[in-house]
PDB file of N, CA and C in Angstrom:
ATOM      1  N   MET A   1     -22.949  50.142 -25.822  1.00  0.00           N
ATOM      2  CA  MET A   1     -21.925  49.658 -24.778  1.00  0.00           C
ATOM      3  C   MET A   1     -20.914  50.704 -24.202  1.00  0.00           C
ATOM      4  N   ALA A   2     -21.266  51.540 -23.928  1.00  0.00           N
ATOM      5  CA  ALA A   2     -20.606  52.610 -23.405  1.00  0.00           C
ATOM      6  C   ALA A   2     -20.770  52.640 -21.701  1.00  0.00           C
ATOM      7  N   GLN A   3     -21.135  51.270 -21.065  1.00  0.00           N
ATOM      8  CA  GLN A   3     -21.214  51.493 -19.726  1.00  0.00           C
ATOM      9  C   GLN A   3     -19.997  50.676 -19.357  1.00  0.00           C
ATOM     10  N   GLY A   4     -19.700  49.234 -19.985  1.00  0.00           N
ATOM     11  CA  GLY A   4     -18.555  48.378 -19.545  1.00  0.00           C
ATOM     12  C   GLY A   4     -17.660  48.397 -20.663  1.00  0.00           C
ATOM     13  N   ALA A   5     -16.819  47.222 -20.089  1.00  0.00           N
ATOM     14  CA  ALA A   5     -15.910  46.850 -20.794  1.00  0.00           C
ATOM     15  C   ALA A   5     -16.541  45.633 -21.409  1.00  0.00           C
ATOM     16  N   VAL A   6     -15.887  45.013 -22.523  1.00  0.00           N
ATOM     17  CA  VAL A   6     -16.381  43.840 -23.519  1.00  0.00           C
ATOM     18  C   VAL A   6     -16.467  42.583 -22.627  1.00  0.00           C
ATOM     19  N   LYS A   7     -17.004  41.418 -22.529  1.00  0.00           N
ATOM     20  CA  LYS A   7     -16.855  40.469 -22.139  1.00  0.00           C
ATOM     21  C   LYS A   7     -15.954  39.296 -22.382  1.00  0.00           C
ATOM     22  N   GLY A   8     -15.135  38.883 -21.921  1.00  0.00           N
ATOM     23  CA  GLY A   8     -14.053  37.731 -22.768  1.00  0.00           C
ATOM     24  C   GLY A   8     -14.834  36.570 -22.920  1.00  0.00           C
ATOM     25  N   LYS A   9     -14.469  35.601 -24.062  1.00  0.00           N
ATOM     26  CA  LYS A   9     -15.431  34.780 -24.130  1.00  0.00           C
ATOM     27  C   LYS A   9     -14.977  33.219 -23.207  1.00  0.00           C
ATOM     28  N   ALA A  10     -16.160  32.792 -22.861  1.00  0.00           N
ATOM     29  CA  ALA A  10     -16.192  31.457 -22.054  1.00  0.00           C
ATOM     30  C   ALA A  10     -15.082  30.736 -22.010  1.00  0.00           C
ATOM     31  N   LYS A  11     -13.913  30.053 -21.475  1.00  0.00           N
ATOM     32  CA  LYS A  11     -12.997  28.774 -21.653  1.00  0.00           C
ATOM     33  C   LYS A  11     -13.647  27.682 -21.124  1.00  0.00           C
ATOM     34  N   PRO A  12     -13.740  26.531 -22.307  1.00  0.00           N
ATOM     35  CA  PRO A  12     -14.171  25.156 -22.285  1.00  0.00           C
ATOM     36  C   PRO A  12     -13.311  24.792 -20.872  1.00  0.00           C
ATOM     37  N   LYS A  13     -14.390  24.077 -20.140  1.00  0.00           N
ATOM     38  CA  LYS A  13     -13.977  23.274 -18.892  1.00  0.00           C
ATOM     39  C   LYS A  13     -12.861  22.015 -18.983  1.00  0.00           C
ATOM     40  N   LYS A  14     -12.027  22.246 -18.564  1.00  0.00           N
ATOM     41  CA  LYS A  14     -11.381  21.247 -18.249  1.00  0.00           C
ATOM     42  C   LYS A  14     -11.793  19.657 -17.647  1.00  0.00           C
ATOM     43  N   PRO A  15     -11.405  18.482 -18.153  1.00  0.00           N
ATOM     44  CA  PRO A  15     -11.977  17.287 -17.965  1.00  0.00           C
ATOM     45  C   PRO A  15     -11.313  16.611 -16.358  1.00  0.00           C
ATOM     46  N   ALA A  16     -12.537  16.514 -15.603  1.00  0.00           N
ATOM     47  CA  ALA A  16     -12.068  16.202 -14.163  1.00  0.00           C
ATOM     48  C   ALA A  16     -11.050  14.891 -14.136  1.00  0.00           C
ATOM     49  N   LYS A  17     -10.006  14.804 -13.345  1.00  0.00           N
ATOM     50  CA  LYS A  17      -9.134  13.738 -13.029  1.00  0.00           C
ATOM     51  C   LYS A  17      -9.520  12.415 -12.537  1.00  0.00           C
ATOM     52  N   LYS A  18      -8.829  11.387 -12.787  1.00  0.00           N
ATOM     53  CA  LYS A  18      -9.195  10.213 -12.658  1.00  0.00           C
ATOM     54  C   LYS A  18      -9.113   9.628 -11.224  1.00  0.00           C
ATOM     55  N   SER A  19      -9.975   9.461 -10.386  1.00  0.00           N
ATOM     56  CA  SER A  19      -9.326   8.804  -9.018  1.00  0.00           C
ATOM     57  C   SER A  19      -8.919   7.676  -8.883  1.00  0.00           C
ATOM     58  N   VAL A  20      -7.394   7.834  -8.150  1.00  0.00           N
ATOM     59  CA  VAL A  20      -6.562   6.799  -8.348  1.00  0.00           C
ATOM     60  C   VAL A  20      -6.785   6.016  -7.028  1.00  0.00           C
ATOM     61  N   PRO A  21      -6.528   4.660  -6.996  1.00  0.00           N
ATOM     62  CA  PRO A  21      -7.027   3.731  -5.615  1.00  0.00           C
ATOM     63  C   PRO A  21      -5.998   4.232  -4.441  1.00  0.00           C
ATOM     64  N   MET A  22      -6.689   3.706  -3.261  1.00  0.00           N
ATOM     65  CA  MET A  22      -5.645   4.126  -2.247  1.00  0.00           C
ATOM     66  C   MET A  22      -4.126   2.837  -2.461  1.00  0.00           C
ATOM     67  N   ARG A  23      -3.515   3.449  -1.727  1.00  0.00           N
ATOM     68  CA  ARG A  23      -2.114   2.548  -1.972  1.00  0.00           C
ATOM     69  C   ARG A  23      -1.369   2.434  -0.147  1.00  0.00           C
ATOM     70  N   LYS A  24      -1.021   1.208  -0.069  1.00  0.00           N
ATOM     71  CA  LYS A  24      -0.230   0.998   1.576  1.00  0.00           C
ATOM     72  C   LYS A  24       0.423   2.088   2.173  1.00  0.00           C
ATOM     73  N   GLY A  25       0.417   1.987   3.218  1.00  0.00           N
ATOM     74  CA  GLY A  25       1.441   2.523   3.886  1.00  0.00           C
ATOM     75  C   GLY A  25       0.868   4.080   4.395  1.00  0.00           C
ATOM     76  N   GLY A  26       1.406   4.877   5.022  1.00  0.00           N
ATOM     77  CA  GLY A  26       1.553   6.327   5.632  1.00  0.00           C
ATOM     78  C   GLY A  26       1.151   7.562   4.414  1.00  0.00           C
ATOM     79  N   ARG A  27       0.698   7.991   4.648  1.00  0.00           N
ATOM     80  CA  ARG A  27       0.771   9.270   3.593  1.00  0.00           C
ATOM     81  C   ARG A  27       1.055  10.114   4.761  1.00  0.00           C
ATOM     82  N   ILE A  28       2.432  10.835   4.919  1.00  0.00           N
ATOM     83  CA  ILE A  28       2.577  12.054   5.937  1.00  0.00           C
ATOM     84  C   ILE A  28       3.553  13.043   5.169  1.00  0.00           C
ATOM     85  N   ILE A  29       3.260  14.014   5.610  1.00  0.00           N
ATOM     86  CA  ILE A  29       4.323  14.861   4.808  1.00  0.00           C
ATOM     87  C   ILE A  29       5.934  15.108   5.386  1.00  0.00           C
ATOM     88  N   ALA A  30       6.861  14.830   5.005  1.00  0.00           N
ATOM     89  CA  ALA A  30       8.141  15.008   5.483  1.00  0.00           C
ATOM     90  C   ALA A  30       8.706  16.131   6.092  1.00  0.00           C
ATOM     91  N   PRO A  31       8.703  16.024   7.556  1.00  0.00           N
ATOM     92  CA  PRO A  31       9.686  17.485   8.042  1.00  0.00           C
ATOM     93  C   PRO A  31      10.979  17.626   7.967  1.00  0.00           C
ATOM     94  N   LYS A  32      11.273  18.692   7.628  1.00  0.00           N
ATOM     95  CA  LYS A  32      12.373  19.333   7.047  1.00  0.00           C
ATOM     96  C   LYS A  32      13.700  19.211   8.247  1.00  0.00           C
ATOM     97  N   LYS A  33      13.433  18.542   9.682  1.00  0.00           N
ATOM     98  CA  LYS A  33      14.545  18.905  10.570  1.00  0.00           C
ATOM     99  C   LYS A  33      14.924  17.599  10.519  1.00  0.00           C
ATOM    100  N   SER A  34      15.985  17.344  10.836  1.00  0.00           N
ATOM    101  CA  SER A  34      17.073  16.093  10.534  1.00  0.00           C
ATOM    102  C   SER A  34      16.267  14.827  11.794  1.00  0.00           C
ATOM    103  N   ARG A  35      16.192  15.592  12.936  1.00  0.00           N
ATOM    104  CA  ARG A  35      16.283  14.925  13.964  1.00  0.00           C
ATOM    105  C   ARG A  35      14.829  14.137  14.157  1.00  0.00           C
ATOM    106  N   ILE A  36      13.891  15.230  13.718  1.00  0.00           N
ATOM    107  CA  ILE A  36      12.357  14.438  13.718  1.00  0.00           C
ATOM    108  C   ILE A  36      12.613  13.393  12.592  1.00  0.00           C
ATOM    109  N   ILE A  37      12.974  12.995  11.112  1.00  0.00           N
ATOM    110  CA  ILE A  37      13.436  12.589  10.442  1.00  0.00           C
ATOM    111  C   ILE A  37      13.865  11.041  10.725  1.00  0.00           C
ATOM    112  N   HIS A  38      14.910  11.440  11.681  1.00  0.00           N
ATOM    113  CA  HIS A  38      15.632  10.207  12.010  1.00  0.00           C
ATOM    114  C   HIS A  38      14.841   9.538  12.821  1.00  0.00           C
ATOM    115  N   GLN A  39      13.795  10.347  13.812  1.00  0.00           N
ATOM    116  CA  GLN A  39      13.075   9.729  14.747  1.00  0.00           C
ATOM    117  C   GLN A  39      12.093   8.964  14.482  1.00  0.00           C
ATOM    118  N   GLN A  40      11.347   9.741  12.904  1.00  0.00           N
ATOM    119  CA  GLN A  40      10.033   9.060  12.109  1.00  0.00           C
ATOM    120  C   GLN A  40      10.848   7.491  11.747  1.00  0.00           C
ATOM    121  N   LYS A  41      12.041   7.234  11.101  1.00  0.00           N
ATOM    122  CA  LYS A  41      12.565   6.170  10.347  1.00  0.00           C
ATOM    123  C   LYS A  41      12.448   5.450  11.763  1.00  0.00           C
ATOM    124  N   LEU A  42      12.918   5.834  12.829  1.00  0.00           N
ATOM    125  CA  LEU A  42      13.373   4.523  13.822  1.00  0.00           C
ATOM    126  C   LEU A  42      12.011   3.922  14.338  1.00  0.00           C
ATOM    127  N   LYS A  43      11.326   4.960  14.336  1.00  0.00           N
ATOM    128  CA  LYS A  43       9.801   4.329  14.240  1.00  0.00           C
ATOM    129  C   LYS A  43       9.111   3.424  14.175  1.00  0.00           C
ATOM    130  N   LYS A  44       9.040   3.760  12.659  1.00  0.00           N
ATOM    131  CA  LYS A  44       8.746   3.100  11.365  1.00  0.00           C
ATOM    132  C   LYS A  44       9.269   1.498  11.535  1.00  0.00           C
ATOM    133  N   ASN A  45      10.895   1.511  11.598  1.00  0.00           N
ATOM    134  CA  ASN A  45      11.530   0.624  11.732  1.00  0.00           C
ATOM    135  C   ASN A  45      11.102  -0.366  12.670  1.00  0.00           C
ATOM    136  N   LEU A  46      10.771   0.234  13.940  1.00  0.00           N
ATOM    137  CA  LEU A  46      10.310  -0.856  15.152  1.00  0.00           C
ATOM    138  C   LEU A  46       9.131  -1.002  14.929  1.00  0.00           C
ATOM    139  N   GLU A  47       8.071  -0.631  14.447  1.00  0.00           N
ATOM    140  CA  GLU A  47       6.695  -1.298  14.129  1.00  0.00           C
ATOM    141  C   GLU A  47       6.865  -2.100  13.314  1.00  0.00           C
ATOM    142  N   VAL A  48       7.430  -2.355  12.437  1.00  0.00           N
ATOM    143  CA  VAL A  48       7.882  -3.137  11.203  1.00  0.00           C
ATOM    144  C   VAL A  48       8.489  -4.293  11.960  1.00  0.00           C
ATOM    145  N   GLU A  49       9.272  -4.542  12.957  1.00  0.00           N
ATOM    146  CA  GLU A  49      10.199  -5.134  13.317  1.00  0.00           C
ATOM    147  C   GLU A  49       9.048  -5.815  14.637  1.00  0.00           C
ATOM    148  N   ILE A  50       8.168  -5.278  14.884  1.00  0.00           N
ATOM    149  CA  ILE A  50       7.115  -5.846  16.401  1.00  0.00           C
ATOM    150  C   ILE A  50       6.196  -6.528  15.513  1.00  0.00           C
ATOM    151  N   ARG A  51       5.852  -5.832  14.171  1.00  0.00           N
ATOM    152  CA  ARG A  51       4.648  -6.852  13.499  1.00  0.00           C
ATOM    153  C   ARG A  51       5.306  -8.211  13.061  1.00  0.00           C
ATOM    154  N   LYS A  52       6.338  -8.117  12.514  1.00  0.00           N
ATOM    155  CA  LYS A  52       7.390  -9.096  11.813  1.00  0.00           C
ATOM    156  C   LYS A  52       6.950 -10.262  13.129  1.00  0.00           C
ATOM    157  N   LYS A  53       7.586 -10.010  14.170  1.00  0.00           N
ATOM    158  CA  LYS A  53       7.741 -10.481  15.501  1.00  0.00           C
ATOM    159  C   LYS A  53       6.214 -11.096  15.788  1.00  0.00           C
ATOM    160  N   ILE A  54       5.690 -10.418  16.388  1.00  0.00           N
ATOM    161  CA  ILE A  54       4.282 -10.724  16.425  1.00  0.00           C
ATOM    162  C   ILE A  54       3.847 -12.156  15.202  1.00  0.00           C
ATOM    163  N   GLU A  55       3.923 -12.013  14.070  1.00  0.00           N
ATOM    164  CA  GLU A  55       3.352 -12.514  12.916  1.00  0.00           C
ATOM    165  C   GLU A  55       3.913 -14.416  13.138  1.00  0.00           C
ATOM    166  N   HIS A  56       5.848 -13.823  13.560  1.00  0.00           N
ATOM    167  CA  HIS A  56       6.502 -15.363  13.227  1.00  0.00           C
ATOM    168  C   HIS A  56       5.593 -15.981  14.682  1.00  0.00           C
ATOM    169  N   ASP A  57       5.328 -14.842  16.175  1.00  0.00           N
ATOM    170  CA  ASP A  57       5.215 -15.920  17.152  1.00  0.00           C
ATOM    171  C   ASP A  57       3.840 -16.248  16.808  1.00  0.00           C
ATOM    172  N   VAL A  58       2.985 -16.115  16.209  1.00  0.00           N
ATOM    173  CA  VAL A  58       1.102 -16.572  15.790  1.00  0.00           C
ATOM    174  C   VAL A  58       1.395 -17.644  14.725  1.00  0.00           C
ATOM    175  N   THR A  59       2.491 -17.537  13.926  1.00  0.00           N
ATOM    176  CA  THR A  59       2.542 -18.892  13.087  1.00  0.00           C
ATOM    177  C   THR A  59       3.169 -19.829  13.891  1.00  0.00           C
ATOM    178  N   GLN A  60       4.205 -19.692  15.127  1.00  0.00           N
ATOM    179  CA  GLN A  60       5.116 -20.683  15.758  1.00  0.00           C
ATOM    180  C   GLN A  60       3.887 -21.046  16.491  1.00  0.00           C
ATOM    181  N   LYS A  61       2.936 -20.522  17.212  1.00  0.00           N
ATOM    182  CA  LYS A  61       1.837 -21.252  18.331  1.00  0.00           C
ATOM    183  C   LYS A  61       0.920 -22.367  17.346  1.00  0.00           C
ATOM    184  N   ALA A  62       0.249 -21.621  16.133  1.00  0.00           N
ATOM    185  CA  ALA A  62      -0.296 -22.363  15.463  1.00  0.00           C
ATOM    186  C   ALA A  62       0.234 -23.386  14.618  1.00  0.00           C
ATOM    187  N   SER A  63       1.842 -23.712  14.802  1.00  0.00           N
ATOM    188  CA  SER A  63       2.324 -24.959  13.753  1.00  0.00           C
ATOM    189  C   SER A  63       2.632 -25.754  15.119  1.00  0.00           C
ATOM    190  N   SER A  64       2.709 -25.410  16.068  1.00  0.00           N
ATOM    191  CA  SER A  64       3.305 -26.398  16.896  1.00  0.00           C
ATOM    192  C   SER A  64       1.586 -26.832  17.791  1.00  0.00           C
ATOM    193  N   ASN A  65       0.723 -26.463  17.356  1.00  0.00           N
ATOM    194  CA  ASN A  65      -0.761 -26.962  17.605  1.00  0.00           C
ATOM    195  C   ASN A  65      -1.148 -27.908  15.925  1.00  0.00           C
ATOM    196  N   MET A  66      -0.741 -27.642  15.621  1.00  0.00           N
ATOM    197  CA  MET A  66      -1.462 -28.677  14.384  1.00  0.00           C
ATOM    198  C   MET A  66      -0.757 -29.739  13.924  1.00  0.00           C
ATOM    199  N   PRO A  67      -1.217 -30.866  13.645  1.00  0.00           N
ATOM    200  CA  PRO A  67      -0.749 -32.375  13.609  1.00  0.00           C
ATOM    201  C   PRO A  67      -0.255 -32.360  11.897  1.00  0.00           C
ATOM    202  N   LYS A  68      -0.232 -31.433  11.480  1.00  0.00           N
ATOM    203  CA  LYS A  68       0.360 -31.443   9.900  1.00  0.00           C
ATOM    204  C   LYS A  68       1.301 -30.380   9.766  1.00  0.00           C
ATOM    205  N   LYS A  69       2.536 -30.020   9.303  1.00  0.00           N
ATOM    206  CA  LYS A  69       3.385 -29.134   8.766  1.00  0.00           C
ATOM    207  C   LYS A  69       2.510 -27.850   8.353  1.00  0.00           C
ATOM    208  N   LEU A  70       2.942 -26.974   9.277  1.00  0.00           N
ATOM    209  CA  LEU A  70       2.335 -25.606   8.437  1.00  0.00           C
ATOM    210  C   LEU A  70       3.011 -25.020   7.295  1.00  0.00           C
ATOM    211  N   ALA A  71       2.557 -24.618   6.317  1.00  0.00           N
ATOM    212  CA  ALA A  71       3.159 -24.012   5.543  1.00  0.00           C
ATOM    213  C   ALA A  71       2.667 -22.535   4.803  1.00  0.00           C
ATOM    214  N   LEU A  72       3.715 -21.800   4.740  1.00  0.00           N
ATOM    215  CA  LEU A  72       3.007 -20.052   4.590  1.00  0.00           C
ATOM    216  C   LEU A  72       3.206 -20.127   2.965  1.00  0.00           C
ATOM    217  N   LEU A  73       2.210 -19.728   2.431  1.00  0.00           N
ATOM    218  CA  LEU A  73       2.746 -19.200   0.633  1.00  0.00           C
ATOM    219  C   LEU A  73       2.436 -17.831   0.752  1.00  0.00           C
ATOM    220  N   LYS A  74       3.115 -17.318  -0.459  1.00  0.00           N
ATOM    221  CA  LYS A  74       2.740 -16.120  -0.876  1.00  0.00           C
ATOM    222  C   LYS A  74       2.518 -15.721  -1.688  1.00  0.00           C
ATOM    223  N   ALA A  75       1.302 -14.525  -1.682  1.00  0.00           N
ATOM    224  CA  ALA A  75       0.710 -14.425  -2.651  1.00  0.00           C
ATOM    225  C   ALA A  75       1.428 -13.899  -3.949  1.00  0.00           C
ATOM    226  N   PRO A  76       0.573 -14.821  -5.107  1.00  0.00           N
ATOM    227  CA  PRO A  76       0.971 -14.031  -6.497  1.00  0.00           C
ATOM    228  C   PRO A  76       1.462 -12.684  -6.872  1.00  0.00           C
ATOM    229  N   ASP A  77       2.345 -12.260  -7.633  1.00  0.00           N
ATOM    230  CA  ASP A  77       2.536 -11.207  -8.270  1.00  0.00           C
ATOM    231  C   ASP A  77       1.028 -10.482  -8.610  1.00  0.00           C
ATOM    232  N   GLN A  78       0.513  -9.025  -8.616  1.00  0.00           N
ATOM    233  CA  GLN A  78      -0.107  -8.723  -9.258  1.00  0.00           C
ATOM    234  C   GLN A  78       0.531  -8.315 -10.872  1.00  0.00           C
ATOM    235  N   GLY A  79       1.931  -8.244 -11.157  1.00  0.00           N
ATOM    236  CA  GLY A  79       1.966  -7.673 -12.514  1.00  0.00           C
ATOM    237  C   GLY A  79       2.303  -8.925 -13.227  1.00  0.00           C
ATOM    238  N   LYS A  80       2.728 -10.059 -12.919  1.00  0.00           N
ATOM    239  CA  LYS A  80       2.776 -11.122 -13.930  1.00  0.00           C
ATOM    240  C   LYS A  80       1.538 -11.969 -13.570  1.00  0.00           C
ATOM    241  N   LYS A  81       1.059 -12.300 -14.739  1.00  0.00           N
ATOM    242  CA  LYS A  81       0.146 -13.382 -15.158  1.00  0.00           C
ATOM    243  C   LYS A  81       0.378 -13.964 -15.870  1.00  0.00           C
ATOM    244  N   ASP A  82       0.679 -15.443 -15.365  1.00  0.00           N
ATOM    245  CA  ASP A  82       0.898 -16.913 -15.622  1.00  0.00           C
ATOM    246  C   ASP A  82      -0.298 -17.519 -15.394  1.00  0.00           C
ATOM    247  N   LYS A  83      -0.390 -17.911 -16.551  1.00  0.00           N
ATOM    248  CA  LYS A  83      -2.021 -18.709 -17.437  1.00  0.00           C
ATOM    249  C   LYS A  83      -1.886 -20.350 -16.261  1.00  0.00           C
ATOM    250  N   GLY A  84      -0.710 -20.813 -16.310  1.00  0.00           N
ATOM    251  CA  GLY A  84      -0.562 -22.127 -15.647  1.00  0.00           C
ATOM    252  C   GLY A  84      -0.518 -21.654 -14.023  1.00  0.00           C
ATOM    253  N   SER A  85      -0.223 -21.276 -13.191  1.00  0.00           N
ATOM    254  CA  SER A  85      -0.770 -21.122 -11.623  1.00  0.00           C
ATOM    255  C   SER A  85      -2.265 -20.580 -11.586  1.00  0.00           C
ATOM    256  N   ALA A  86      -2.719 -19.825 -12.640  1.00  0.00           N
ATOM    257  CA  ALA A  86      -4.192 -19.592 -11.838  1.00  0.00           C
ATOM    258  C   ALA A  86      -5.096 -20.654 -12.542  1.00  0.00           C
ATOM    259  N   ALA A  87      -4.765 -21.854 -13.135  1.00  0.00           N
ATOM    260  CA  ALA A  87      -5.472 -23.071 -13.264  1.00  0.00           C
ATOM    261  C   ALA A  87      -5.019 -23.989 -12.703  1.00  0.00           C
ATOM    262  N   GLY A  88      -3.826 -24.566 -11.990  1.00  0.00           N
ATOM    263  CA  GLY A  88      -3.512 -25.019 -10.752  1.00  0.00           C
ATOM    264  C   GLY A  88      -3.804 -25.244  -9.475  1.00  0.00           C
ATOM    265  N   GLY A  89      -4.484 -26.378  -8.897  1.00  0.00           N
ATOM    266  CA  GLY A  89      -4.800 -26.047  -7.588  1.00  0.00           C
ATOM    267  C   GLY A  89      -3.586 -26.598  -6.308  1.00  0.00           C
ATOM    268  N   SER A  90      -3.819 -26.500  -5.255  1.00  0.00           N
ATOM    269  CA  SER A  90      -3.066 -26.599  -4.075  1.00  0.00           C
ATOM    270  C   SER A  90      -2.955 -28.294  -3.839  1.00  0.00           C
ATOM    271  N   LYS A  91      -1.906 -29.055  -3.662  1.00  0.00           N
ATOM    272  CA  LYS A  91      -1.932 -30.252  -3.426  1.00  0.00           C
ATOM    273  C   LYS A  91      -1.676 -30.282  -2.323  1.00  0.00           C
ATOM    274  N   ALA A  92      -2.328 -29.750  -1.092  1.00  0.00           N
ATOM    275  CA  ALA A  92      -1.983 -29.781   0.494  1.00  0.00           C
ATOM    276  C   ALA A  92      -3.519 -30.629   0.754  1.00  0.00           C
TER     277      ALA A  92
END
C-alpha cells in the first residue's frame, strides 16, 4: 500500500424521489423586475377574463338553442368524499 491512499468506504445509495403528478397552471420563474411582474399579472388576468367571456357566450348560445333550460353543474370536490352523492343520480 505504499503507492496510494486508502480508499474510502462506498456510501449507500439514496432512494429516488416519487414523481409528483402535474398541476394546473403555468410554471414560470418569477422575474425580479416589478414592471415585468405587473405585466405578467395583467396578462394572466386578461386571459382569465377572455376565457370566462368565451365560456359565457358559448353557454348562452347553447341555452338559447335548447328547448329545455340549460343548467351548469360544478364537479364535486376531490377532497370531500361523500357517500350519498356518489350513489345518487341526476334527475334531469
